[in-house]
PDB file of N, CA and C in Angstrom:
ATOM      1  N   MET A   1      46.406  25.791 -35.432  1.00  0.00           N
ATOM      2  CA  MET A   1      45.819  25.234 -34.346  1.00  0.00           C
ATOM      3  C   MET A   1      46.429  25.762 -33.154  1.00  0.00           C
ATOM      4  N   THR A   2      47.560  25.747 -33.094  1.00  0.00           N
ATOM      5  CA  THR A   2      48.150  26.084 -31.681  1.00  0.00           C
ATOM      6  C   THR A   2      49.004  27.420 -31.951  1.00  0.00           C
ATOM      7  N   GLY A   3      49.230  27.996 -32.922  1.00  0.00           N
ATOM      8  CA  GLY A   3      49.393  29.243 -33.718  1.00  0.00           C
ATOM      9  C   GLY A   3      51.038  29.736 -33.984  1.00  0.00           C
ATOM     10  N   GLN A   4      51.855  28.197 -33.265  1.00  0.00           N
ATOM     11  CA  GLN A   4      52.971  28.144 -33.577  1.00  0.00           C
ATOM     12  C   GLN A   4      53.714  28.839 -34.850  1.00  0.00           C
ATOM     13  N   THR A   5      53.095  28.507 -35.856  1.00  0.00           N
ATOM     14  CA  THR A   5      53.750  28.772 -37.179  1.00  0.00           C
ATOM     15  C   THR A   5      53.531  30.220 -37.464  1.00  0.00           C
ATOM     16  N   ARG A   6      52.153  30.259 -36.634  1.00  0.00           N
ATOM     17  CA  ARG A   6      52.016  31.855 -37.180  1.00  0.00           C
ATOM     18  C   ARG A   6      52.985  33.116 -36.402  1.00  0.00           C
ATOM     19  N   ARG A   7      53.598  32.497 -35.114  1.00  0.00           N
ATOM     20  CA  ARG A   7      54.426  33.122 -34.500  1.00  0.00           C
ATOM     21  C   ARG A   7      55.640  33.045 -35.270  1.00  0.00           C
ATOM     22  N   PHE A   8      56.106  31.746 -35.736  1.00  0.00           N
ATOM     23  CA  PHE A   8      57.072  31.967 -36.439  1.00  0.00           C
ATOM     24  C   PHE A   8      57.220  33.383 -37.655  1.00  0.00           C
ATOM     25  N   VAL A   9      56.067  33.049 -38.614  1.00  0.00           N
ATOM     26  CA  VAL A   9      56.061  33.751 -39.650  1.00  0.00           C
ATOM     27  C   VAL A   9      55.688  35.109 -39.115  1.00  0.00           C
ATOM     28  N   LYS A  10      55.462  35.697 -38.110  1.00  0.00           N
ATOM     29  CA  LYS A  10      55.462  37.211 -37.497  1.00  0.00           C
ATOM     30  C   LYS A  10      56.803  37.755 -37.202  1.00  0.00           C
ATOM     31  N   LYS A  11      57.907  36.385 -36.706  1.00  0.00           N
ATOM     32  CA  LYS A  11      58.663  37.032 -36.686  1.00  0.00           C
ATOM     33  C   LYS A  11      59.655  36.938 -37.674  1.00  0.00           C
ATOM     34  N   LEU A  12      59.434  36.679 -39.114  1.00  0.00           N
ATOM     35  CA  LEU A  12      60.304  36.730 -40.522  1.00  0.00           C
ATOM     36  C   LEU A  12      59.991  38.216 -40.745  1.00  0.00           C
ATOM     37  N   ASP A  13      58.997  38.813 -40.789  1.00  0.00           N
ATOM     38  CA  ASP A  13      58.834  39.967 -40.609  1.00  0.00           C
ATOM     39  C   ASP A  13      59.073  40.406 -42.386  1.00  0.00           C
ATOM     40  N   LEU A  14      58.258  39.317 -43.205  1.00  0.00           N
ATOM     41  CA  LEU A  14      57.952  39.311 -44.874  1.00  0.00           C
ATOM     42  C   LEU A  14      56.195  39.597 -44.512  1.00  0.00           C
ATOM     43  N   PRO A  15      56.157  40.065 -46.344  1.00  0.00           N
ATOM     44  CA  PRO A  15      54.113  40.068 -46.416  1.00  0.00           C
ATOM     45  C   PRO A  15      54.041  38.679 -46.286  1.00  0.00           C
ATOM     46  N   ALA A  16      53.066  38.612 -45.984  1.00  0.00           N
ATOM     47  CA  ALA A  16      52.365  36.839 -45.700  1.00  0.00           C
ATOM     48  C   ALA A  16      50.857  36.752 -45.323  1.00  0.00           C
ATOM     49  N   TYR A  17      50.423  35.982 -46.097  1.00  0.00           N
ATOM     50  CA  TYR A  17      48.615  35.955 -45.847  1.00  0.00           C
ATOM     51  C   TYR A  17      48.416  34.487 -45.233  1.00  0.00           C
ATOM     52  N   GLU A  18      47.216  34.301 -44.509  1.00  0.00           N
ATOM     53  CA  GLU A  18      47.021  33.397 -43.619  1.00  0.00           C
ATOM     54  C   GLU A  18      45.844  32.569 -44.380  1.00  0.00           C
ATOM     55  N   ILE A  19      46.047  31.429 -44.750  1.00  0.00           N
ATOM     56  CA  ILE A  19      44.927  30.621 -45.335  1.00  0.00           C
ATOM     57  C   ILE A  19      43.653  30.438 -44.689  1.00  0.00           C
ATOM     58  N   GLU A  20      42.836  31.103 -44.979  1.00  0.00           N
ATOM     59  CA  GLU A  20      41.520  30.914 -44.099  1.00  0.00           C
ATOM     60  C   GLU A  20      40.667  29.451 -44.219  1.00  0.00           C
ATOM     61  N   PRO A  21      40.680  28.901 -42.700  1.00  0.00           N
ATOM     62  CA  PRO A  21      39.744  27.570 -43.438  1.00  0.00           C
ATOM     63  C   PRO A  21      38.318  27.420 -43.748  1.00  0.00           C
ATOM     64  N   ALA A  22      37.714  28.735 -43.835  1.00  0.00           N
ATOM     65  CA  ALA A  22      35.870  28.525 -44.334  1.00  0.00           C
ATOM     66  C   ALA A  22      36.088  29.334 -45.798  1.00  0.00           C
ATOM     67  N   ASN A  23      37.429  29.742 -46.403  1.00  0.00           N
ATOM     68  CA  ASN A  23      37.354  30.406 -47.555  1.00  0.00           C
ATOM     69  C   ASN A  23      38.946  30.421 -48.225  1.00  0.00           C
ATOM     70  N   PRO A  24      39.113  28.977 -48.481  1.00  0.00           N
ATOM     71  CA  PRO A  24      40.780  28.787 -48.694  1.00  0.00           C
ATOM     72  C   PRO A  24      41.108  29.592 -50.343  1.00  0.00           C
ATOM     73  N   PHE A  25      40.170  29.798 -51.125  1.00  0.00           N
ATOM     74  CA  PHE A  25      40.311  30.266 -52.459  1.00  0.00           C
ATOM     75  C   PHE A  25      40.591  31.470 -52.648  1.00  0.00           C
ATOM     76  N   PHE A  26      42.326  31.957 -51.907  1.00  0.00           N
ATOM     77  CA  PHE A  26      42.414  33.236 -52.444  1.00  0.00           C
ATOM     78  C   PHE A  26      43.687  32.847 -53.307  1.00  0.00           C
ATOM     79  N   GLU A  27      43.743  33.910 -54.674  1.00  0.00           N
ATOM     80  CA  GLU A  27      44.545  33.998 -55.352  1.00  0.00           C
ATOM     81  C   GLU A  27      45.910  34.903 -54.883  1.00  0.00           C
ATOM     82  N   ILE A  28      47.148  33.886 -55.422  1.00  0.00           N
ATOM     83  CA  ILE A  28      48.375  34.996 -54.977  1.00  0.00           C
ATOM     84  C   ILE A  28      48.690  35.159 -55.958  1.00  0.00           C
ATOM     85  N   LYS A  29      49.361  36.139 -56.221  1.00  0.00           N
ATOM     86  CA  LYS A  29      49.702  36.777 -57.341  1.00  0.00           C
ATOM     87  C   LYS A  29      51.346  36.858 -57.275  1.00  0.00           C
ATOM     88  N   GLU A  30      51.806  36.445 -56.889  1.00  0.00           N
ATOM     89  CA  GLU A  30      53.426  36.911 -57.226  1.00  0.00           C
ATOM     90  C   GLU A  30      53.910  35.708 -56.258  1.00  0.00           C
ATOM     91  N   PRO A  31      55.380  34.927 -56.423  1.00  0.00           N
ATOM     92  CA  PRO A  31      56.159  33.544 -55.931  1.00  0.00           C
ATOM     93  C   PRO A  31      55.944  33.698 -54.398  1.00  0.00           C
ATOM     94  N   PHE A  32      55.707  32.902 -53.631  1.00  0.00           N
ATOM     95  CA  PHE A  32      55.487  32.605 -52.472  1.00  0.00           C
ATOM     96  C   PHE A  32      56.451  31.462 -51.973  1.00  0.00           C
ATOM     97  N   VAL A  33      56.656  31.407 -50.876  1.00  0.00           N
ATOM     98  CA  VAL A  33      56.683  30.132 -49.885  1.00  0.00           C
ATOM     99  C   VAL A  33      55.824  29.544 -48.803  1.00  0.00           C
ATOM    100  N   LEU A  34      55.056  28.515 -48.961  1.00  0.00           N
ATOM    101  CA  LEU A  34      54.245  28.133 -47.869  1.00  0.00           C
ATOM    102  C   LEU A  34      55.166  27.822 -46.165  1.00  0.00           C
ATOM    103  N   ALA A  35      54.675  28.043 -45.442  1.00  0.00           N
ATOM    104  CA  ALA A  35      55.103  27.722 -43.947  1.00  0.00           C
ATOM    105  C   ALA A  35      53.723  26.795 -43.616  1.00  0.00           C
ATOM    106  N   VAL A  36      53.888  25.637 -42.869  1.00  0.00           N
ATOM    107  CA  VAL A  36      52.740  24.603 -42.587  1.00  0.00           C
ATOM    108  C   VAL A  36      53.087  23.988 -41.624  1.00  0.00           C
ATOM    109  N   PRO A  37      52.334  23.952 -40.659  1.00  0.00           N
ATOM    110  CA  PRO A  37      52.352  23.252 -39.299  1.00  0.00           C
ATOM    111  C   PRO A  37      52.088  21.762 -39.586  1.00  0.00           C
ATOM    112  N   THR A  38      52.402  20.592 -39.152  1.00  0.00           N
ATOM    113  CA  THR A  38      52.022  19.545 -39.010  1.00  0.00           C
ATOM    114  C   THR A  38      50.283  19.581 -38.860  1.00  0.00           C
ATOM    115  N   TYR A  39      49.831  19.109 -39.873  1.00  0.00           N
ATOM    116  CA  TYR A  39      48.083  19.162 -39.762  1.00  0.00           C
ATOM    117  C   TYR A  39      47.767  17.475 -39.733  1.00  0.00           C
ATOM    118  N   ASP A  40      46.601  17.345 -39.310  1.00  0.00           N
ATOM    119  CA  ASP A  40      45.321  16.349 -40.144  1.00  0.00           C
ATOM    120  C   ASP A  40      45.164  16.555 -41.537  1.00  0.00           C
ATOM    121  N   GLN A  41      44.682  15.352 -41.874  1.00  0.00           N
ATOM    122  CA  GLN A  41      44.208  14.950 -43.625  1.00  0.00           C
ATOM    123  C   GLN A  41      42.993  16.471 -43.717  1.00  0.00           C
ATOM    124  N   GLU A  42      41.946  16.511 -42.571  1.00  0.00           N
ATOM    125  CA  GLU A  42      41.218  17.166 -42.475  1.00  0.00           C
ATOM    126  C   GLU A  42      41.410  18.672 -42.567  1.00  0.00           C
ATOM    127  N   ILE A  43      42.421  19.296 -42.139  1.00  0.00           N
ATOM    128  CA  ILE A  43      43.047  20.588 -42.431  1.00  0.00           C
ATOM    129  C   ILE A  43      44.101  20.546 -43.343  1.00  0.00           C
ATOM    130  N   MET A  44      44.658  19.656 -43.785  1.00  0.00           N
ATOM    131  CA  MET A  44      45.331  19.682 -44.920  1.00  0.00           C
ATOM    132  C   MET A  44      44.759  19.490 -46.303  1.00  0.00           C
ATOM    133  N   ASP A  45      43.231  19.424 -46.230  1.00  0.00           N
ATOM    134  CA  ASP A  45      42.425  19.557 -47.656  1.00  0.00           C
ATOM    135  C   ASP A  45      42.135  21.447 -47.982  1.00  0.00           C
ATOM    136  N   VAL A  46      41.976  21.935 -46.780  1.00  0.00           N
ATOM    137  CA  VAL A  46      41.916  23.309 -46.927  1.00  0.00           C
ATOM    138  C   VAL A  46      43.325  23.833 -47.454  1.00  0.00           C
ATOM    139  N   VAL A  47      44.628  23.328 -47.171  1.00  0.00           N
ATOM    140  CA  VAL A  47      46.060  23.547 -48.225  1.00  0.00           C
ATOM    141  C   VAL A  47      45.780  23.363 -49.570  1.00  0.00           C
ATOM    142  N   TYR A  48      45.374  22.303 -49.782  1.00  0.00           N
ATOM    143  CA  TYR A  48      45.517  21.508 -51.149  1.00  0.00           C
ATOM    144  C   TYR A  48      44.267  22.499 -51.889  1.00  0.00           C
ATOM    145  N   ASP A  49      43.172  23.143 -51.300  1.00  0.00           N
ATOM    146  CA  ASP A  49      42.247  23.736 -52.345  1.00  0.00           C
ATOM    147  C   ASP A  49      43.071  25.290 -52.531  1.00  0.00           C
ATOM    148  N   PHE A  50      43.669  25.420 -51.551  1.00  0.00           N
ATOM    149  CA  PHE A  50      44.430  26.725 -51.172  1.00  0.00           C
ATOM    150  C   PHE A  50      45.207  26.704 -52.318  1.00  0.00           C
ATOM    151  N   LEU A  51      46.143  25.499 -52.267  1.00  0.00           N
ATOM    152  CA  LEU A  51      47.275  25.686 -53.767  1.00  0.00           C
ATOM    153  C   LEU A  51      46.880  25.302 -55.255  1.00  0.00           C
ATOM    154  N   ASP A  52      45.975  24.569 -55.338  1.00  0.00           N
ATOM    155  CA  ASP A  52      44.905  24.111 -56.322  1.00  0.00           C
ATOM    156  C   ASP A  52      44.076  25.504 -57.099  1.00  0.00           C
ATOM    157  N   HIS A  53      43.842  26.267 -56.269  1.00  0.00           N
ATOM    158  CA  HIS A  53      43.207  27.817 -57.107  1.00  0.00           C
ATOM    159  C   HIS A  53      44.010  27.970 -57.895  1.00  0.00           C
ATOM    160  N   ASN A  54      43.373  28.095 -58.870  1.00  0.00           N
ATOM    161  CA  ASN A  54      44.033  29.283 -60.173  1.00  0.00           C
ATOM    162  C   ASN A  54      45.374  28.834 -60.458  1.00  0.00           C
ATOM    163  N   ASP A  55      46.480  29.481 -60.420  1.00  0.00           N
ATOM    164  CA  ASP A  55      47.638  29.271 -60.168  1.00  0.00           C
ATOM    165  C   ASP A  55      48.533  29.412 -59.224  1.00  0.00           C
ATOM    166  N   ASN A  56      47.927  29.637 -58.238  1.00  0.00           N
ATOM    167  CA  ASN A  56      49.061  28.906 -56.596  1.00  0.00           C
ATOM    168  C   ASN A  56      49.827  28.471 -56.625  1.00  0.00           C
ATOM    169  N   ALA A  57      49.620  26.849 -57.318  1.00  0.00           N
ATOM    170  CA  ALA A  57      50.584  26.097 -57.279  1.00  0.00           C
ATOM    171  C   ALA A  57      51.751  26.166 -58.384  1.00  0.00           C
ATOM    172  N   LEU A  58      51.595  26.967 -59.224  1.00  0.00           N
ATOM    173  CA  LEU A  58      52.588  27.393 -60.219  1.00  0.00           C
ATOM    174  C   LEU A  58      53.578  28.171 -59.620  1.00  0.00           C
ATOM    175  N   LEU A  59      53.302  29.158 -58.298  1.00  0.00           N
ATOM    176  CA  LEU A  59      53.867  30.228 -58.052  1.00  0.00           C
ATOM    177  C   LEU A  59      54.386  29.686 -56.366  1.00  0.00           C
ATOM    178  N   LEU A  60      54.353  28.478 -56.220  1.00  0.00           N
ATOM    179  CA  LEU A  60      54.822  28.236 -54.995  1.00  0.00           C
ATOM    180  C   LEU A  60      55.991  27.758 -55.138  1.00  0.00           C
ATOM    181  N   LYS A  61      57.103  28.328 -54.461  1.00  0.00           N
ATOM    182  CA  LYS A  61      58.662  27.874 -54.564  1.00  0.00           C
ATOM    183  C   LYS A  61      59.128  27.716 -53.436  1.00  0.00           C
ATOM    184  N   GLY A  62      58.641  26.540 -52.485  1.00  0.00           N
ATOM    185  CA  GLY A  62      58.904  25.720 -51.469  1.00  0.00           C
ATOM    186  C   GLY A  62      58.295  25.866 -50.188  1.00  0.00           C
ATOM    187  N   ILE A  63      58.690  25.407 -49.250  1.00  0.00           N
ATOM    188  CA  ILE A  63      57.673  24.700 -48.253  1.00  0.00           C
ATOM    189  C   ILE A  63      58.735  25.047 -47.031  1.00  0.00           C
ATOM    190  N   VAL A  64      58.282  25.426 -45.852  1.00  0.00           N
ATOM    191  CA  VAL A  64      58.913  25.580 -44.552  1.00  0.00           C
ATOM    192  C   VAL A  64      57.986  24.661 -43.893  1.00  0.00           C
ATOM    193  N   GLY A  65      58.498  23.533 -42.840  1.00  0.00           N
ATOM    194  CA  GLY A  65      57.501  22.466 -42.363  1.00  0.00           C
ATOM    195  C   GLY A  65      57.497  23.310 -40.707  1.00  0.00           C
ATOM    196  N   SER A  66      56.970  23.254 -40.069  1.00  0.00           N
ATOM    197  CA  SER A  66      56.755  23.280 -38.640  1.00  0.00           C
ATOM    198  C   SER A  66      56.157  22.217 -38.036  1.00  0.00           C
ATOM    199  N   GLY A  67      56.809  22.007 -37.119  1.00  0.00           N
ATOM    200  CA  GLY A  67      55.955  20.329 -35.320  1.00  0.00           C
ATOM    201  C   GLY A  67      56.964  20.420 -34.362  1.00  0.00           C
ATOM    202  N   ASN A  68      56.234  19.470 -34.002  1.00  0.00           N
ATOM    203  CA  ASN A  68      56.988  18.825 -32.799  1.00  0.00           C
ATOM    204  C   ASN A  68      57.494  17.706 -32.959  1.00  0.00           C
ATOM    205  N   ARG A  69      59.407  17.671 -32.749  1.00  0.00           N
ATOM    206  CA  ARG A  69      59.975  16.345 -32.663  1.00  0.00           C
ATOM    207  C   ARG A  69      59.663  15.156 -32.227  1.00  0.00           C
ATOM    208  N   ASN A  70      58.497  15.473 -31.076  1.00  0.00           N
ATOM    209  CA  ASN A  70      58.289  14.176 -30.036  1.00  0.00           C
ATOM    210  C   ASN A  70      57.154  13.412 -31.402  1.00  0.00           C
ATOM    211  N   PHE A  71      57.039  14.012 -32.206  1.00  0.00           N
ATOM    212  CA  PHE A  71      55.764  13.289 -33.237  1.00  0.00           C
ATOM    213  C   PHE A  71      56.963  12.159 -33.918  1.00  0.00           C
ATOM    214  N   ALA A  72      58.149  12.290 -33.405  1.00  0.00           N
ATOM    215  CA  ALA A  72      59.182  11.025 -34.593  1.00  0.00           C
ATOM    216  C   ALA A  72      58.890  11.347 -36.028  1.00  0.00           C
ATOM    217  N   GLU A  73      58.584  10.029 -36.452  1.00  0.00           N
ATOM    218  CA  GLU A  73      58.201   9.842 -37.964  1.00  0.00           C
ATOM    219  C   GLU A  73      57.322  10.864 -38.320  1.00  0.00           C
ATOM    220  N   LEU A  74      56.547  11.276 -37.559  1.00  0.00           N
ATOM    221  CA  LEU A  74      55.405  12.548 -38.444  1.00  0.00           C
ATOM    222  C   LEU A  74      55.883  13.683 -38.069  1.00  0.00           C
ATOM    223  N   PHE A  75      56.609  13.919 -37.920  1.00  0.00           N
ATOM    224  CA  PHE A  75      57.835  15.080 -37.783  1.00  0.00           C
ATOM    225  C   PHE A  75      57.638  16.177 -39.220  1.00  0.00           C
ATOM    226  N   VAL A  76      56.862  17.081 -39.028  1.00  0.00           N
ATOM    227  CA  VAL A  76      56.690  18.185 -40.557  1.00  0.00           C
ATOM    228  C   VAL A  76      56.109  17.251 -41.558  1.00  0.00           C
ATOM    229  N   TYR A  77      55.661  16.105 -41.292  1.00  0.00           N
ATOM    230  CA  TYR A  77      54.867  15.325 -42.492  1.00  0.00           C
ATOM    231  C   TYR A  77      54.167  15.803 -43.531  1.00  0.00           C
ATOM    232  N   ALA A  78      53.219  16.837 -42.749  1.00  0.00           N
ATOM    233  CA  ALA A  78      52.170  18.023 -44.226  1.00  0.00           C
ATOM    234  C   ALA A  78      53.191  18.186 -44.810  1.00  0.00           C
ATOM    235  N   ALA A  79      54.540  19.091 -44.498  1.00  0.00           N
ATOM    236  CA  ALA A  79      55.082  19.865 -45.131  1.00  0.00           C
ATOM    237  C   ALA A  79      56.044  18.643 -46.772  1.00  0.00           C
ATOM    238  N   LYS A  80      56.739  17.692 -45.797  1.00  0.00           N
ATOM    239  CA  LYS A  80      56.848  16.778 -46.902  1.00  0.00           C
ATOM    240  C   LYS A  80      56.176  16.371 -47.365  1.00  0.00           C
ATOM    241  N   GLN A  81      54.588  16.130 -47.111  1.00  0.00           N
ATOM    242  CA  GLN A  81      53.915  15.467 -48.464  1.00  0.00           C
ATOM    243  C   GLN A  81      53.372  16.689 -49.339  1.00  0.00           C
ATOM    244  N   LEU A  82      53.379  17.813 -48.803  1.00  0.00           N
ATOM    245  CA  LEU A  82      53.262  18.752 -49.665  1.00  0.00           C
ATOM    246  C   LEU A  82      54.188  19.032 -51.006  1.00  0.00           C
ATOM    247  N   ALA A  83      55.524  18.805 -50.014  1.00  0.00           N
ATOM    248  CA  ALA A  83      56.689  19.359 -50.894  1.00  0.00           C
ATOM    249  C   ALA A  83      56.687  17.806 -52.161  1.00  0.00           C
ATOM    250  N   GLN A  84      56.265  16.714 -51.804  1.00  0.00           N
ATOM    251  CA  GLN A  84      56.331  16.019 -52.879  1.00  0.00           C
ATOM    252  C   GLN A  84      55.295  16.090 -53.737  1.00  0.00           C
ATOM    253  N   HIS A  85      54.356  16.209 -53.128  1.00  0.00           N
ATOM    254  CA  HIS A  85      52.693  16.252 -54.204  1.00  0.00           C
ATOM    255  C   HIS A  85      53.591  17.755 -55.477  1.00  0.00           C
ATOM    256  N   TYR A  86      53.453  18.445 -54.665  1.00  0.00           N
ATOM    257  CA  TYR A  86      53.873  19.748 -55.890  1.00  0.00           C
ATOM    258  C   TYR A  86      54.875  19.956 -56.225  1.00  0.00           C
ATOM    259  N   GLN A  87      56.176  19.446 -55.770  1.00  0.00           N
ATOM    260  CA  GLN A  87      57.659  18.818 -56.723  1.00  0.00           C
ATOM    261  C   GLN A  87      57.935  19.770 -56.395  1.00  0.00           C
ATOM    262  N   VAL A  88      58.464  20.902 -54.978  1.00  0.00           N
ATOM    263  CA  VAL A  88      58.659  21.811 -54.627  1.00  0.00           C
ATOM    264  C   VAL A  88      59.907  21.274 -53.985  1.00  0.00           C
ATOM    265  N   PRO A  89      60.534  22.012 -53.292  1.00  0.00           N
ATOM    266  CA  PRO A  89      62.142  21.732 -52.471  1.00  0.00           C
ATOM    267  C   PRO A  89      61.394  21.940 -50.503  1.00  0.00           C
ATOM    268  N   LEU A  90      61.556  21.279 -49.720  1.00  0.00           N
ATOM    269  CA  LEU A  90      61.396  21.509 -48.331  1.00  0.00           C
ATOM    270  C   LEU A  90      62.885  22.343 -47.743  1.00  0.00           C
ATOM    271  N   LEU A  91      62.286  23.907 -47.842  1.00  0.00           N
ATOM    272  CA  LEU A  91      63.441  24.314 -47.812  1.00  0.00           C
ATOM    273  C   LEU A  91      63.773  24.281 -46.239  1.00  0.00           C
ATOM    274  N   HIS A  92      63.065  24.223 -45.292  1.00  0.00           N
ATOM    275  CA  HIS A  92      63.891  24.172 -43.815  1.00  0.00           C
ATOM    276  C   HIS A  92      62.689  23.585 -42.748  1.00  0.00           C
ATOM    277  N   VAL A  93      63.104  23.042 -41.780  1.00  0.00           N
ATOM    278  CA  VAL A  93      62.321  22.891 -41.002  1.00  0.00           C
ATOM    279  C   VAL A  93      62.306  22.969 -39.475  1.00  0.00           C
ATOM    280  N   ILE A  94      61.358  23.454 -38.892  1.00  0.00           N
ATOM    281  CA  ILE A  94      61.561  24.008 -37.394  1.00  0.00           C
ATOM    282  C   ILE A  94      60.454  23.618 -36.391  1.00  0.00           C
ATOM    283  N   GLU A  95      60.946  23.496 -34.919  1.00  0.00           N
ATOM    284  CA  GLU A  95      60.172  23.118 -34.344  1.00  0.00           C
ATOM    285  C   GLU A  95      59.708  24.237 -33.171  1.00  0.00           C
ATOM    286  N   PHE A  96      58.039  24.025 -33.222  1.00  0.00           N
ATOM    287  CA  PHE A  96      57.631  24.616 -32.623  1.00  0.00           C
ATOM    288  C   PHE A  96      57.588  26.089 -32.953  1.00  0.00           C
ATOM    289  N   SER A  97      57.735  27.192 -32.608  1.00  0.00           N
ATOM    290  CA  SER A  97      57.459  28.804 -33.049  1.00  0.00           C
ATOM    291  C   SER A  97      58.828  29.092 -33.557  1.00  0.00           C
ATOM    292  N   GLY A  98      60.205  28.221 -33.858  1.00  0.00           N
ATOM    293  CA  GLY A  98      61.301  28.110 -34.317  1.00  0.00           C
ATOM    294  C   GLY A  98      62.303  29.153 -33.281  1.00  0.00           C
ATOM    295  N   THR A  99      63.577  29.331 -34.185  1.00  0.00           N
ATOM    296  CA  THR A  99      64.701  30.204 -33.194  1.00  0.00           C
ATOM    297  C   THR A  99      64.927  31.205 -34.003  1.00  0.00           C
ATOM    298  N   PRO A 100      65.864  31.934 -33.296  1.00  0.00           N
ATOM    299  CA  PRO A 100      66.322  33.406 -34.132  1.00  0.00           C
ATOM    300  C   PRO A 100      66.907  32.380 -35.515  1.00  0.00           C
ATOM    301  N   GLN A 101      68.029  31.631 -35.303  1.00  0.00           N
ATOM    302  CA  GLN A 101      68.595  30.777 -36.094  1.00  0.00           C
ATOM    303  C   GLN A 101      67.761  30.683 -37.571  1.00  0.00           C
ATOM    304  N   ASP A 102      66.548  29.987 -36.971  1.00  0.00           N
ATOM    305  CA  ASP A 102      65.944  29.620 -38.027  1.00  0.00           C
ATOM    306  C   ASP A 102      65.314  31.126 -38.825  1.00  0.00           C
ATOM    307  N   VAL A 103      64.782  31.805 -38.180  1.00  0.00           N
ATOM    308  CA  VAL A 103      64.299  33.040 -38.908  1.00  0.00           C
ATOM    309  C   VAL A 103      65.457  33.582 -40.052  1.00  0.00           C
ATOM    310  N   ASP A 104      66.720  33.350 -39.168  1.00  0.00           N
ATOM    311  CA  ASP A 104      67.708  33.942 -39.901  1.00  0.00           C
ATOM    312  C   ASP A 104      67.764  32.808 -41.142  1.00  0.00           C
ATOM    313  N   THR A 105      68.018  32.050 -41.432  1.00  0.00           N
ATOM    314  CA  THR A 105      67.983  31.126 -42.347  1.00  0.00           C
ATOM    315  C   THR A 105      66.631  30.993 -43.381  1.00  0.00           C
ATOM    316  N   ILE A 106      65.585  31.379 -42.784  1.00  0.00           N
ATOM    317  CA  ILE A 106      64.680  31.191 -43.450  1.00  0.00           C
ATOM    318  C   ILE A 106      64.730  32.777 -44.569  1.00  0.00           C
ATOM    319  N   GLN A 107      64.789  33.810 -44.024  1.00  0.00           N
ATOM    320  CA  GLN A 107      65.030  35.073 -44.267  1.00  0.00           C
ATOM    321  C   GLN A 107      66.277  35.009 -45.689  1.00  0.00           C
ATOM    322  N   LYS A 108      66.843  34.383 -45.242  1.00  0.00           N
ATOM    323  CA  LYS A 108      68.272  34.378 -46.354  1.00  0.00           C
ATOM    324  C   LYS A 108      67.695  33.296 -47.429  1.00  0.00           C
ATOM    325  N   VAL A 109      66.986  32.359 -47.018  1.00  0.00           N
ATOM    326  CA  VAL A 109      66.560  31.399 -48.347  1.00  0.00           C
ATOM    327  C   VAL A 109      65.510  32.122 -49.195  1.00  0.00           C
ATOM    328  N   VAL A 110      64.564  33.069 -48.566  1.00  0.00           N
ATOM    329  CA  VAL A 110      63.506  33.798 -49.271  1.00  0.00           C
ATOM    330  C   VAL A 110      64.175  35.050 -49.942  1.00  0.00           C
ATOM    331  N   ASN A 111      65.079  35.514 -49.527  1.00  0.00           N
ATOM    332  CA  ASN A 111      66.089  36.428 -50.439  1.00  0.00           C
ATOM    333  C   ASN A 111      66.735  36.254 -51.520  1.00  0.00           C
ATOM    334  N   LYS A 112      67.036  34.923 -51.633  1.00  0.00           N
ATOM    335  CA  LYS A 112      67.737  34.109 -52.422  1.00  0.00           C
ATOM    336  C   LYS A 112      67.175  33.681 -53.102  1.00  0.00           C
ATOM    337  N   LEU A 113      65.553  33.116 -53.194  1.00  0.00           N
ATOM    338  CA  LEU A 113      64.453  33.179 -54.148  1.00  0.00           C
ATOM    339  C   LEU A 113      64.297  34.091 -54.878  1.00  0.00           C
ATOM    340  N   GLU A 114      64.109  35.495 -54.211  1.00  0.00           N
ATOM    341  CA  GLU A 114      63.564  36.592 -55.196  1.00  0.00           C
ATOM    342  C   GLU A 114      64.795  37.507 -55.785  1.00  0.00           C
ATOM    343  N   SER A 115      66.182  36.678 -55.457  1.00  0.00           N
ATOM    344  CA  SER A 115      67.108  36.979 -56.578  1.00  0.00           C
ATOM    345  C   SER A 115      67.153  36.665 -57.964  1.00  0.00           C
TER     346      SER A 115
END
């Protein structure tokens, strides 16, 4: 909604797919990491639709959460909820569109998952 997560993902310079709310039923064909901002439940339903489509959830290797620390206990709530529901690790959390250190950390995590 604010574009913070989109900006962060672009900084990673990795292949990416943005879930389309109008049609979340896209099939991923290789292992992936999900980057998700703190959403309200209505938007989260789109993410669940995407993950529950075909084998997408089976290929999910972990989640990166983004948000605003001013949300206190709700900071990266969506990422925590998804990680628990799909039993995958919460790999990293970022605030807003992340820092250069966040970019480096995620690139290293993704590279480690690929090897």
